[in-house]
Amino acid sequence: MEGVHASVAALDALFLEEAALASAGAADGHGAGSGVDVLQRQYGIRLERLAGYSKLESMIAAAKAQDAADCIAIQQAMTPPEASMQERTYAEMSVVEEIAGVLTISSASAGAFIHQAQQVCSLPPVMNALAAGAISWQHAKVIVDETEGLSPAGAALLVAHFFDPHAPNPARGAAPGELVPSRFRAKARTWRERHHPESIETRHTKGAADRRMEYRPDRDGMARVTLYLPGDTASAIWNRTTATARGLQGPDEPRTISQLRPDIAAGLLLGAGSSPHSGNTDPGKVPVPRADVLVMVPVLSLLGVTDEPAILDGHGPIPASMARRLVADGAESFYRVLVDPRDGAPLEIGRRSYRLPETIKRWIRMRDGKCTFPGCTNRTPDNDTDHLTAWHNGGETGASNLGQLCPKHHRLKHHSGWTPTPATNNKPPGWTSPTSRHYNPEQPDPEPTHWPHGALPLNINPPPEEPPGGNLLDPDDLCPADPLWDDFYAKPFVLPPDPQTDWRLLLT
């Protein structure tokens, strides 16, 4: 804290100097008589303040890292010695979630931060440099990453090489904090590769076993797919898509090479041109994905009257044109959720059955959007639909007593003091931590359907049937296991033959 106070005082002095400079400039005509170039000095003051902010951020990062590491150590000290391994695990998970809530980050990010903090605290030269403002938190994370997998002695040698000028053969050139973090990473990784006690062949074998594909939704109906592969495979994929893209370029091809690469990759992955019977032999043409799709699309948008976005489960808003294409051309499954037409709420099942019908599970997926635990971003369809108030405690099997939980947070709920708050038909539950901190629900925040000017008014009712309601059933009178529910949801969703031709009839 001494360093923090000194940095704040230095920043304060710069603000006072700027105020004095402005006063002197106003008194003698912008400093003309003082011999000081006011604008040049104002520019210099701001650069000095930026440097001061950066140093202060590093000092605060060191304090945060120390406190995070201490939280885990204190929790371990509070855990009774006779506690089981399971109790210790859930107690530590609870601390991670508490830190995630305090810092407003995901639990995965909190877990990574705590691990990084513990590693930095275990390397005194790195911690001292961070606390002195000589390196940034990004530089400290580089050290954590590059010492991962090394023995304590090997990690100490890497740290000494860069932070101890008296070490044998110390690093030459700029100090770590004077390098852009990516350049410092390159230097640290080079030293690590040369001095690692394990051969690169052995490490590559382990890395290849960790190969994976990652998916991340993005804005504007887009998403990112990342492959973590052995270098030669990744290079071959890049070279093949690049060569194919260059072969497709020509005067009649409007797409750039950057646009062609993902189109070619998507075409190859989705089967375009892979079979003579596929009907598509152009590797640059992306076929319509045929997948199990759960999409909520406003009816007027589906008919082409409006362009209101639809909601694709696990992704978020997508253009109406994409939803229409999925429903009409590509999606082999289109799930509908029976909802109250007055407010869009799902029809409650009530306390009639503990077993959840697939229809309610799908509605909870659409309502919650992801695991409801604070900060969790897990959107997998394998998430659990959990009773907020347990069935054996009188909890009902209805939307207002159900919430989506990933397997990890489902287990934590039953083995710690984290408790959900009530949900509603249209709002997921919030949560209260073991230390009584409350976290509001992270609902997707849907907006009401947009009704264009001149469209059918909401209060128009269809003419009564003869006899009134004689052939209608009240959904509340049906048992959840009634075969009529299966018949209803088994009906295929069929679009009108050509809605665009008569769309003006909807506005009359």
Protein backbone atom coordinates (compact mmCIF):
# COMPACT_ATOMS: atom_id res chain seq x y z
CA MET A 1 0.00 0.00 0.00
CA GLU A 2 2.96 2.34 0.43
CA GLY A 3 3.59 2.10 -3.31
CA VAL A 4 -0.10 2.70 -4.03
CA HIS A 5 -0.14 5.82 -1.85
CA ALA A 6 3.04 7.13 -3.50
CA SER A 7 1.60 6.57 -6.99
CA VAL A 8 -1.64 8.32 -6.11
CA ALA A 9 0.33 11.25 -4.67
CA ALA A 10 2.39 11.51 -7.87
CA LEU A 11 -0.78 11.55 -9.96
CA ASP A 12 -2.31 14.16 -7.68
CA ALA A 13 0.77 16.36 -8.13
CA LEU A 14 0.40 16.14 -11.91
CA PHE A 15 -3.25 17.23 -11.69
CA LEU A 16 -2.24 20.16 -9.48
CA GLU A 17 0.52 21.14 -11.92
CA GLU A 18 -1.98 21.12 -14.76
CA ALA A 19 -4.36 23.34 -12.79
CA ALA A 20 -1.53 25.78 -12.00
CA LEU A 21 -0.46 25.75 -15.63
CA ALA A 22 -3.97 26.59 -16.75
CA SER A 23 -4.20 29.45 -14.22
CA ALA A 24 -0.85 30.91 -15.30
CA GLY A 25 -1.83 30.62 -18.94
CA ALA A 26 -5.10 32.44 -18.38
CA ALA A 27 -3.27 35.24 -16.50
CA ASP A 28 -0.54 36.01 -19.06
CA GLY A 29 -2.10 34.91 -22.33
CA HIS A 30 -1.64 31.13 -22.44
CA GLY A 31 1.79 31.18 -20.80
CA ALA A 32 3.43 33.34 -23.43
CA GLY A 33 5.40 35.31 -20.82
CA SER A 34 6.44 32.35 -18.65
CA GLY A 35 8.68 30.69 -21.21
CA VAL A 36 6.65 27.48 -20.95
CA ASP A 37 5.02 25.88 -23.99
CA VAL A 38 1.66 25.23 -22.35
CA LEU A 39 0.34 22.80 -24.94
CA GLN A 40 3.57 20.82 -24.99
CA ARG A 41 3.58 20.56 -21.20
CA GLN A 42 -0.11 19.58 -21.11
CA TYR A 43 0.73 16.83 -23.56
CA GLY A 44 3.66 15.72 -21.39
CA ILE A 45 1.54 15.73 -18.23
CA ARG A 46 -0.96 13.38 -19.82
CA LEU A 47 1.74 10.96 -20.90
CA GLU A 48 3.16 10.99 -17.37
CA ARG A 49 -0.30 10.33 -15.96
CA LEU A 50 -0.83 7.41 -18.35
CA ALA A 51 2.45 5.93 -17.11
CA GLY A 52 1.32 6.56 -13.52
CA TYR A 53 -2.04 4.85 -14.15
CA SER A 54 -0.26 1.82 -15.60
CA LYS A 55 2.05 1.57 -12.58
CA LEU A 56 -0.88 1.93 -10.20
CA GLU A 57 -2.83 -0.78 -12.03
CA SER A 58 0.10 -3.16 -11.56
CA MET A 59 0.27 -2.42 -7.84
CA ILE A 60 -3.47 -2.98 -7.43
CA ALA A 61 -3.20 -6.22 -9.44
CA ALA A 62 -0.56 -7.42 -6.97
CA ALA A 63 -2.86 -6.60 -4.04
CA LYS A 64 -5.79 -8.38 -5.71
CA ALA A 65 -3.65 -11.45 -6.38
CA GLN A 66 -2.46 -11.56 -2.78
CA ASP A 67 -6.00 -11.27 -1.38
CA ALA A 68 -7.35 -13.93 -3.75
CA ALA A 69 -4.62 -16.37 -2.76
CA ASP A 70 -5.22 -15.54 0.90
CA CYS A 71 -8.97 -16.25 0.54
CA ILE A 72 -8.22 -19.83 -0.48
CA ALA A 73 -5.66 -20.23 2.31
CA ILE A 74 -8.06 -18.87 4.94
CA GLN A 75 -10.87 -21.10 3.69
CA GLN A 76 -8.58 -24.11 3.96
CA ALA A 77 -7.68 -23.07 7.51
CA MET A 78 -11.39 -22.81 8.42
CA THR A 79 -12.17 -26.28 7.06
CA PRO A 80 -12.15 -28.84 9.89
CA PRO A 81 -9.25 -31.31 9.70
CA GLU A 82 -11.69 -34.23 9.73
CA ALA A 83 -13.59 -32.89 6.68
CA SER A 84 -13.85 -35.29 3.75
CA MET A 85 -12.27 -34.62 0.38
CA GLN A 86 -15.72 -33.92 -1.06
CA GLU A 87 -16.45 -31.34 1.64
CA ARG A 88 -13.11 -29.65 1.00
CA THR A 89 -13.75 -29.60 -2.74
CA TYR A 90 -17.17 -27.98 -2.42
CA ALA A 91 -15.90 -25.48 0.14
CA GLU A 92 -13.20 -24.38 -2.29
CA MET A 93 -15.71 -24.26 -5.16
CA SER A 94 -17.87 -21.98 -3.03
CA VAL A 95 -14.93 -19.60 -2.46
CA VAL A 96 -14.25 -19.51 -6.21
CA GLU A 97 -17.90 -18.65 -6.89
CA GLU A 98 -17.86 -15.97 -4.19
CA ILE A 99 -14.78 -14.33 -5.69
CA ALA A 100 -16.40 -14.56 -9.13
CA GLY A 101 -19.44 -12.69 -7.79
CA VAL A 102 -17.37 -10.02 -6.04
CA LEU A 103 -15.29 -9.35 -9.17
CA THR A 104 -18.26 -9.83 -11.55
CA ILE A 105 -16.49 -12.45 -13.65
CA SER A 106 -17.38 -16.00 -14.63
CA SER A 107 -16.51 -18.85 -12.29
CA ALA A 108 -14.07 -20.19 -14.89
CA SER A 109 -12.35 -16.80 -15.01
CA ALA A 110 -12.32 -16.64 -11.21
CA GLY A 111 -10.78 -20.10 -11.00
CA ALA A 112 -8.13 -19.12 -13.54
CA PHE A 113 -7.44 -15.85 -11.70
CA ILE A 114 -7.05 -17.62 -8.35
CA HIS A 115 -4.67 -20.15 -9.89
CA GLN A 116 -2.65 -17.35 -11.48
CA ALA A 117 -2.64 -15.41 -8.22
CA GLN A 118 -1.37 -18.44 -6.29
CA GLN A 119 1.38 -19.00 -8.86
CA VAL A 120 2.47 -15.35 -8.83
CA CYS A 121 2.53 -15.32 -5.03
CA SER A 122 4.70 -18.45 -5.07
CA LEU A 123 7.31 -16.64 -7.21
CA PRO A 124 8.61 -13.76 -5.03
CA PRO A 125 10.67 -12.01 -7.75
CA VAL A 126 7.57 -11.80 -9.98
CA MET A 127 5.33 -10.65 -7.13
CA ASN A 128 7.85 -8.01 -6.07
CA ALA A 129 8.15 -6.69 -9.64
CA LEU A 130 4.35 -6.52 -9.95
CA ALA A 131 3.93 -4.79 -6.59
CA ALA A 132 6.60 -2.25 -7.57
CA GLY A 133 4.83 -1.51 -10.86
CA ALA A 134 7.81 -2.78 -12.89
CA ILE A 135 5.66 -5.27 -14.83
CA SER A 136 1.96 -5.49 -15.63
CA TRP A 137 -0.50 -8.23 -14.73
CA GLN A 138 -0.25 -9.38 -18.37
CA HIS A 139 3.49 -9.91 -17.92
CA ALA A 140 2.85 -11.81 -14.69
CA LYS A 141 0.35 -14.07 -16.49
CA VAL A 142 2.98 -14.80 -19.14
CA ILE A 143 5.29 -16.09 -16.40
CA VAL A 144 2.46 -18.22 -14.96
CA ASP A 145 1.70 -19.71 -18.38
CA GLU A 146 5.32 -20.45 -19.26
CA THR A 147 6.16 -22.00 -15.88
CA GLU A 148 3.08 -24.25 -16.07
CA GLY A 149 4.24 -27.87 -16.05
CA LEU A 150 7.74 -27.03 -14.84
CA SER A 151 9.09 -28.29 -11.55
CA PRO A 152 9.56 -25.68 -8.78
CA ALA A 153 13.28 -25.68 -9.54
CA GLY A 154 12.66 -25.23 -13.28
CA ALA A 155 10.19 -22.39 -12.64
CA ALA A 156 12.70 -20.69 -10.34
CA LEU A 157 15.40 -20.91 -13.05
CA LEU A 158 13.09 -19.29 -15.66
CA VAL A 159 12.13 -16.50 -13.26
CA ALA A 160 15.76 -15.90 -12.25
CA HIS A 161 16.81 -15.69 -15.90
CA PHE A 162 14.51 -12.71 -16.47
CA PHE A 163 14.31 -11.07 -13.04
CA ASP A 164 17.70 -11.68 -11.37
CA PRO A 165 20.58 -9.73 -12.97
CA HIS A 166 23.07 -11.83 -10.96
CA ALA A 167 21.78 -15.16 -12.30
CA PRO A 168 24.07 -17.20 -14.57
CA ASN A 169 23.57 -16.02 -18.16
CA PRO A 170 20.74 -13.53 -17.36
CA ALA A 171 18.41 -12.22 -20.06
CA ARG A 172 19.89 -9.49 -22.20
CA GLY A 173 18.23 -6.45 -23.71
CA ALA A 174 15.05 -4.83 -22.45
CA ALA A 175 13.66 -5.77 -19.05
CA PRO A 176 10.40 -7.80 -19.01
CA GLY A 177 8.28 -4.74 -18.14
CA GLU A 178 9.76 -2.80 -21.07
CA LEU A 179 8.57 -5.41 -23.58
CA VAL A 180 5.10 -5.72 -25.05
CA PRO A 181 3.59 -8.80 -23.33
CA SER A 182 3.47 -10.78 -26.59
CA ARG A 183 7.20 -10.16 -27.17
CA PHE A 184 7.99 -11.08 -23.58
CA ARG A 185 5.99 -14.30 -24.07
CA ALA A 186 8.06 -15.13 -27.15
CA LYS A 187 11.32 -14.69 -25.18
CA ALA A 188 10.04 -16.65 -22.19
CA ARG A 189 8.71 -19.47 -24.38
CA THR A 190 11.99 -19.71 -26.27
CA TRP A 191 13.94 -20.07 -23.01
CA ARG A 192 11.39 -22.61 -21.74
CA GLU A 193 11.63 -24.76 -24.88
CA ARG A 194 15.42 -24.81 -24.70
CA HIS A 195 15.64 -25.66 -21.00
CA HIS A 196 12.56 -27.84 -20.46
CA PRO A 197 13.54 -31.11 -18.78
CA GLU A 198 11.00 -33.01 -20.89
CA SER A 199 11.57 -33.46 -24.61
CA ILE A 200 9.36 -31.56 -27.03
CA GLU A 201 8.22 -34.91 -28.50
CA THR A 202 6.78 -35.98 -25.16
CA ARG A 203 5.14 -32.59 -24.59
CA HIS A 204 3.68 -32.57 -28.09
CA THR A 205 2.11 -35.97 -27.49
CA LYS A 206 0.40 -34.60 -24.39
CA GLY A 207 -0.71 -31.47 -26.25
CA ALA A 208 -2.18 -33.52 -29.10
CA ALA A 209 -4.26 -35.42 -26.57
CA ASP A 210 -5.78 -32.09 -25.54
CA ARG A 211 -6.89 -31.13 -29.08
CA ARG A 212 -10.39 -29.68 -29.16
CA MET A 213 -12.92 -27.49 -30.94
CA GLU A 214 -14.42 -24.44 -29.23
CA TYR A 215 -17.53 -22.43 -30.13
CA ARG A 216 -18.30 -18.84 -29.08
CA PRO A 217 -21.38 -16.83 -30.18
CA ASP A 218 -20.74 -13.32 -31.43
CA ARG A 219 -22.74 -10.26 -32.49
CA ASP A 220 -24.92 -9.80 -35.58
CA GLY A 221 -25.88 -13.47 -35.87
CA MET A 222 -22.23 -14.54 -36.18
CA ALA A 223 -20.09 -16.95 -34.16
CA ARG A 224 -16.48 -18.13 -33.85
CA VAL A 225 -15.29 -21.75 -34.12
CA THR A 226 -11.72 -22.43 -33.00
CA LEU A 227 -9.70 -25.61 -33.56
CA TYR A 228 -6.80 -26.50 -31.27
CA LEU A 229 -4.76 -28.96 -33.34
CA PRO A 230 -1.19 -30.14 -33.91
CA GLY A 231 0.72 -27.48 -35.82
CA ASP A 232 1.16 -29.51 -39.01
CA THR A 233 -2.56 -30.33 -39.20
CA ALA A 234 -3.57 -26.73 -38.58
CA SER A 235 -1.07 -25.53 -41.18
CA ALA A 236 -2.38 -28.05 -43.72
CA ILE A 237 -5.97 -26.89 -43.15
CA TRP A 238 -4.95 -23.27 -43.59
CA ASN A 239 -2.92 -23.99 -46.72
CA ARG A 240 -5.67 -26.08 -48.31
CA THR A 241 -8.41 -23.53 -47.73
CA THR A 242 -6.12 -20.75 -48.96
CA ALA A 243 -5.18 -22.66 -52.13
CA THR A 244 -8.82 -23.54 -52.83
CA ALA A 245 -9.87 -19.94 -52.23
CA ARG A 246 -7.26 -18.65 -54.67
CA GLY A 247 -8.43 -21.18 -57.26
CA LEU A 248 -12.01 -19.91 -56.95
CA GLN A 249 -11.05 -16.27 -57.32
CA GLY A 250 -11.77 -14.71 -60.66
CA PRO A 251 -13.62 -11.88 -62.38
CA ASP A 252 -16.99 -13.48 -61.59
CA GLU A 253 -16.24 -14.24 -57.90
CA PRO A 254 -17.30 -11.31 -55.66
CA ARG A 255 -15.96 -12.80 -52.43
CA THR A 256 -12.56 -11.88 -51.05
CA ILE A 257 -10.05 -14.53 -50.06
CA SER A 258 -10.86 -13.81 -46.39
CA GLN A 259 -14.53 -14.57 -47.08
CA LEU A 260 -13.77 -17.63 -49.20
CA ARG A 261 -11.66 -19.37 -46.54
CA PRO A 262 -14.50 -19.79 -43.97
CA ASP A 263 -17.00 -20.64 -46.73
CA ILE A 264 -14.73 -23.42 -48.00
CA ALA A 265 -14.09 -24.75 -44.49
CA ALA A 266 -17.82 -24.71 -43.68
CA GLY A 267 -18.60 -26.45 -46.98
CA LEU A 268 -16.08 -29.20 -46.31
CA LEU A 269 -17.21 -29.73 -42.70
CA LEU A 270 -20.92 -29.74 -43.55
CA GLY A 271 -20.49 -32.16 -46.43
CA ALA A 272 -20.63 -29.92 -49.50
CA GLY A 273 -19.10 -31.81 -52.40
CA SER A 274 -18.23 -34.80 -50.21
CA SER A 275 -20.68 -37.08 -51.99
CA PRO A 276 -21.78 -37.27 -55.62
CA HIS A 277 -25.34 -37.55 -54.34
CA SER A 278 -25.17 -34.43 -52.20
CA GLY A 279 -26.38 -32.23 -55.03
CA ASN A 280 -23.66 -29.70 -54.29
CA THR A 281 -20.18 -30.09 -55.75
CA ASP A 282 -19.01 -26.54 -55.13
CA PRO A 283 -16.68 -26.52 -52.08
CA GLY A 284 -17.14 -22.77 -51.80
CA LYS A 285 -20.91 -22.99 -51.32
CA VAL A 286 -22.11 -23.42 -47.75
CA PRO A 287 -24.99 -25.93 -47.43
CA VAL A 288 -27.90 -25.45 -45.09
CA PRO A 289 -27.10 -27.16 -41.77
CA ARG A 290 -29.40 -30.06 -41.01
CA ALA A 291 -29.41 -30.16 -37.25
CA ASP A 292 -31.65 -30.31 -34.24
CA VAL A 293 -32.73 -26.67 -33.98
CA LEU A 294 -34.58 -24.93 -31.17
CA VAL A 295 -35.56 -21.50 -32.42
CA MET A 296 -38.09 -18.99 -31.16
CA VAL A 297 -39.20 -16.76 -34.01
CA PRO A 298 -42.04 -14.18 -33.98
CA VAL A 299 -44.83 -15.32 -36.26
CA LEU A 300 -44.91 -12.10 -38.30
CA SER A 301 -41.17 -12.37 -38.77
CA LEU A 302 -41.55 -15.98 -39.87
CA LEU A 303 -44.17 -14.88 -42.42
CA GLY A 304 -41.84 -12.21 -43.78
CA VAL A 305 -43.97 -9.26 -42.64
CA THR A 306 -41.27 -7.92 -40.29
CA ASP A 307 -37.53 -8.41 -39.91
CA GLU A 308 -37.62 -8.84 -36.13
CA PRO A 309 -34.75 -11.11 -35.00
CA ALA A 310 -35.40 -14.68 -33.92
CA ILE A 311 -33.67 -16.39 -30.98
CA LEU A 312 -31.55 -19.46 -31.67
CA ASP A 313 -30.98 -21.57 -28.57
CA GLY A 314 -27.35 -21.52 -27.45
CA HIS A 315 -26.54 -18.55 -29.65
CA GLY A 316 -28.91 -15.64 -29.24
CA PRO A 317 -30.51 -13.27 -31.78
CA ILE A 318 -30.26 -14.25 -35.43
CA PRO A 319 -31.64 -12.50 -38.53
CA ALA A 320 -35.20 -13.37 -39.48
CA SER A 321 -33.98 -14.54 -42.88
CA MET A 322 -31.72 -17.10 -41.19
CA ALA A 323 -34.60 -18.38 -39.07
CA ARG A 324 -36.86 -18.69 -42.12
CA ARG A 325 -34.11 -20.58 -43.95
CA LEU A 326 -33.58 -22.97 -41.03
CA VAL A 327 -37.28 -23.69 -40.70
CA ALA A 328 -38.16 -23.92 -44.39
CA ASP A 329 -35.04 -25.43 -45.93
CA GLY A 330 -32.65 -26.94 -43.48
CA ALA A 331 -33.83 -27.81 -40.00
CA GLU A 332 -35.09 -31.35 -39.66
CA SER A 333 -36.47 -30.60 -36.18
CA PHE A 334 -38.35 -27.46 -35.18
CA TYR A 335 -39.50 -27.52 -31.58
CA ARG A 336 -42.47 -25.46 -30.46
CA VAL A 337 -43.28 -24.50 -26.90
CA LEU A 338 -46.91 -24.23 -25.83
CA VAL A 339 -47.27 -20.78 -24.28
CA ASP A 340 -50.05 -18.55 -23.06
CA PRO A 341 -50.84 -16.24 -26.02
CA ARG A 342 -51.65 -13.34 -23.68
CA ASP A 343 -48.22 -12.92 -22.11
CA GLY A 344 -45.96 -15.57 -23.64
CA ALA A 345 -45.67 -17.54 -20.37
CA PRO A 346 -45.46 -21.33 -20.53
CA LEU A 347 -48.45 -23.29 -19.31
CA GLU A 348 -47.69 -24.53 -15.81
CA ILE A 349 -47.74 -28.25 -15.18
CA GLY A 350 -48.19 -27.84 -11.44
CA ARG A 351 -47.56 -30.43 -8.75
CA ARG A 352 -48.79 -33.43 -10.69
CA SER A 353 -45.61 -35.16 -11.77
CA TYR A 354 -41.96 -35.07 -10.71
CA ARG A 355 -40.82 -36.20 -14.14
CA LEU A 356 -40.33 -33.31 -16.54
CA PRO A 357 -41.84 -33.51 -20.04
CA GLU A 358 -39.50 -32.54 -22.85
CA THR A 359 -41.74 -29.59 -23.68
CA ILE A 360 -41.12 -27.90 -20.32
CA LYS A 361 -37.39 -28.67 -20.51
CA ARG A 362 -37.26 -26.90 -23.87
CA TRP A 363 -39.15 -23.92 -22.50
CA ILE A 364 -36.75 -23.61 -19.54
CA ARG A 365 -33.87 -23.68 -22.03
CA MET A 366 -35.43 -20.80 -23.95
CA ARG A 367 -36.34 -18.82 -20.82
CA ASP A 368 -33.00 -19.12 -19.03
CA GLY A 369 -30.70 -19.13 -22.04
CA LYS A 370 -27.92 -20.81 -20.03
CA CYS A 371 -27.06 -22.14 -16.58
CA THR A 372 -28.70 -19.70 -14.15
CA PHE A 373 -25.78 -19.68 -11.67
CA PRO A 374 -24.15 -16.22 -11.41
CA GLY A 375 -21.54 -15.71 -14.09
CA CYS A 376 -21.88 -19.19 -15.64
CA THR A 377 -21.97 -19.19 -19.45
CA ASN A 378 -22.69 -22.88 -20.00
CA ARG A 379 -25.35 -23.16 -22.72
CA THR A 380 -25.09 -26.86 -23.45
CA PRO A 381 -28.36 -28.75 -24.03
CA ASP A 382 -27.04 -31.29 -21.51
CA ASN A 383 -27.70 -28.84 -18.64
CA ASP A 384 -30.00 -30.12 -15.89
CA THR A 385 -33.50 -28.76 -15.27
CA ASP A 386 -33.56 -28.55 -11.49
CA HIS A 387 -36.35 -28.05 -8.95
CA LEU A 388 -35.56 -24.81 -7.10
CA THR A 389 -37.60 -25.96 -4.11
CA ALA A 390 -37.05 -29.69 -3.82
CA TRP A 391 -39.92 -31.99 -4.76
CA HIS A 392 -39.80 -33.69 -1.36
CA ASN A 393 -40.14 -30.25 0.27
CA GLY A 394 -43.34 -29.46 -1.60
CA GLY A 395 -41.84 -27.91 -4.72
CA GLU A 396 -43.99 -28.06 -7.85
CA THR A 397 -42.99 -29.25 -11.29
CA GLY A 398 -43.74 -25.96 -13.00
CA ALA A 399 -41.80 -23.27 -14.82
CA SER A 400 -41.79 -21.00 -11.76
CA ASN A 401 -40.04 -23.69 -9.69
CA LEU A 402 -37.55 -24.84 -12.30
CA GLY A 403 -34.16 -23.53 -13.36
CA GLN A 404 -31.40 -24.61 -15.69
CA LEU A 405 -28.12 -25.66 -14.03
CA CYS A 406 -24.96 -27.07 -15.52
CA PRO A 407 -23.79 -30.31 -13.86
CA LYS A 408 -21.04 -28.50 -11.93
CA HIS A 409 -23.35 -25.90 -10.34
CA HIS A 410 -26.12 -28.46 -9.83
CA ARG A 411 -23.74 -30.41 -7.59
CA LEU A 412 -22.59 -27.23 -5.85
CA LYS A 413 -26.20 -26.28 -5.06
CA HIS A 414 -26.71 -29.54 -3.20
CA HIS A 415 -23.37 -29.47 -1.35
CA SER A 416 -22.98 -25.85 -0.24
CA GLY A 417 -24.86 -22.83 1.08
CA TRP A 418 -25.68 -21.38 -2.37
CA THR A 419 -29.49 -21.13 -2.66
CA PRO A 420 -31.69 -20.04 -5.57
CA THR A 421 -34.37 -17.38 -5.22
CA PRO A 422 -37.85 -17.90 -6.73
CA ALA A 423 -38.33 -17.79 -10.48
CA THR A 424 -41.40 -16.81 -12.48
CA ASN A 425 -42.86 -18.00 -15.74
CA ASN A 426 -40.73 -15.54 -17.69
CA LYS A 427 -37.80 -14.87 -15.33
CA PRO A 428 -35.08 -17.30 -14.18
CA PRO A 429 -34.05 -17.52 -10.52
CA GLY A 430 -31.48 -15.35 -8.76
CA TRP A 431 -29.00 -16.67 -6.21
CA THR A 432 -27.81 -15.99 -2.66
CA SER A 433 -24.26 -16.91 -1.66
CA PRO A 434 -23.19 -18.50 1.65
CA THR A 435 -22.15 -15.02 2.86
CA SER A 436 -25.65 -13.63 2.07
CA ARG A 437 -24.65 -11.72 -1.05
CA HIS A 438 -27.55 -11.65 -3.50
CA TYR A 439 -27.14 -11.96 -7.27
CA ASN A 440 -30.04 -10.95 -9.49
CA PRO A 441 -31.17 -13.30 -12.28
CA GLU A 442 -29.33 -13.01 -15.56
CA GLN A 443 -32.39 -13.37 -17.75
CA PRO A 444 -31.99 -13.02 -21.53
CA ASP A 445 -34.25 -9.93 -21.35
CA PRO A 446 -36.53 -10.65 -24.32
CA GLU A 447 -38.55 -7.85 -25.85
CA PRO A 448 -42.25 -8.02 -26.78
CA THR A 449 -43.02 -8.95 -30.35
CA HIS A 450 -42.99 -5.95 -32.67
CA TRP A 451 -46.32 -5.23 -34.34
CA PRO A 452 -45.89 -3.11 -37.49
CA HIS A 453 -48.08 -0.10 -38.11
CA GLY A 454 -51.43 -1.16 -39.49
CA ALA A 455 -51.13 -4.83 -38.50
CA LEU A 456 -53.97 -6.76 -36.93
CA PRO A 457 -54.88 -5.24 -33.54
CA LEU A 458 -54.19 -7.37 -30.48
CA ASN A 459 -57.82 -7.31 -29.27
CA ILE A 460 -59.32 -8.98 -32.34
CA ASN A 461 -60.84 -12.30 -31.34
CA PRO A 462 -61.85 -15.09 -33.72
CA PRO A 463 -65.57 -15.68 -34.14
CA PRO A 464 -66.98 -18.10 -31.54
CA GLU A 465 -67.43 -21.68 -32.53
CA GLU A 466 -70.80 -23.42 -32.65
CA PRO A 467 -71.33 -24.62 -30.03
CA PRO A 468 -68.87 -22.31 -28.14
CA GLY A 469 -65.83 -24.32 -27.16
CA GLY A 470 -67.58 -27.60 -27.74
CA ASN A 471 -64.55 -29.24 -29.30
CA LEU A 472 -61.87 -27.44 -27.27
CA LEU A 473 -59.85 -28.70 -24.32
CA ASP A 474 -58.42 -26.71 -21.42
CA PRO A 475 -54.67 -27.50 -21.28
CA ASP A 476 -54.82 -27.30 -17.48
CA ASP A 477 -57.18 -30.29 -17.49
CA LEU A 478 -54.67 -32.49 -19.32
CA CYS A 479 -52.23 -34.70 -17.45
CA PRO A 480 -48.59 -34.07 -18.48
CA ALA A 481 -48.36 -37.69 -19.60
CA ASP A 482 -51.50 -37.46 -21.78
CA PRO A 483 -50.76 -38.73 -25.33
CA LEU A 484 -52.39 -35.56 -26.71
CA TRP A 485 -49.27 -33.60 -25.76
CA ASP A 486 -47.10 -35.95 -27.83
CA ASP A 487 -49.53 -35.66 -30.75
CA PHE A 488 -49.47 -31.87 -30.52
CA TYR A 489 -45.69 -31.57 -30.56
CA ALA A 490 -45.29 -34.26 -33.19
CA LYS A 491 -47.17 -32.15 -35.74
CA PRO A 492 -44.75 -30.83 -38.35
CA PHE A 493 -44.29 -27.12 -38.69
CA VAL A 494 -45.26 -26.14 -42.25
CA LEU A 495 -44.79 -22.68 -43.72
CA PRO A 496 -47.41 -21.15 -46.03
CA PRO A 497 -46.67 -21.94 -49.67
CA ASP A 498 -45.71 -18.33 -50.49
CA PRO A 499 -46.35 -15.84 -47.69
CA GLN A 500 -44.78 -12.93 -49.52
CA THR A 501 -47.45 -12.75 -52.19
CA ASP A 502 -50.33 -12.05 -49.80
CA TRP A 503 -48.50 -10.32 -46.97
CA ARG A 504 -50.44 -7.07 -47.44
CA LEU A 505 -53.64 -8.90 -46.40
CA LEU A 506 -52.21 -8.98 -42.86
CA LEU A 507 -52.10 -5.20 -42.76
CA THR A 508 -55.69 -4.58 -43.90
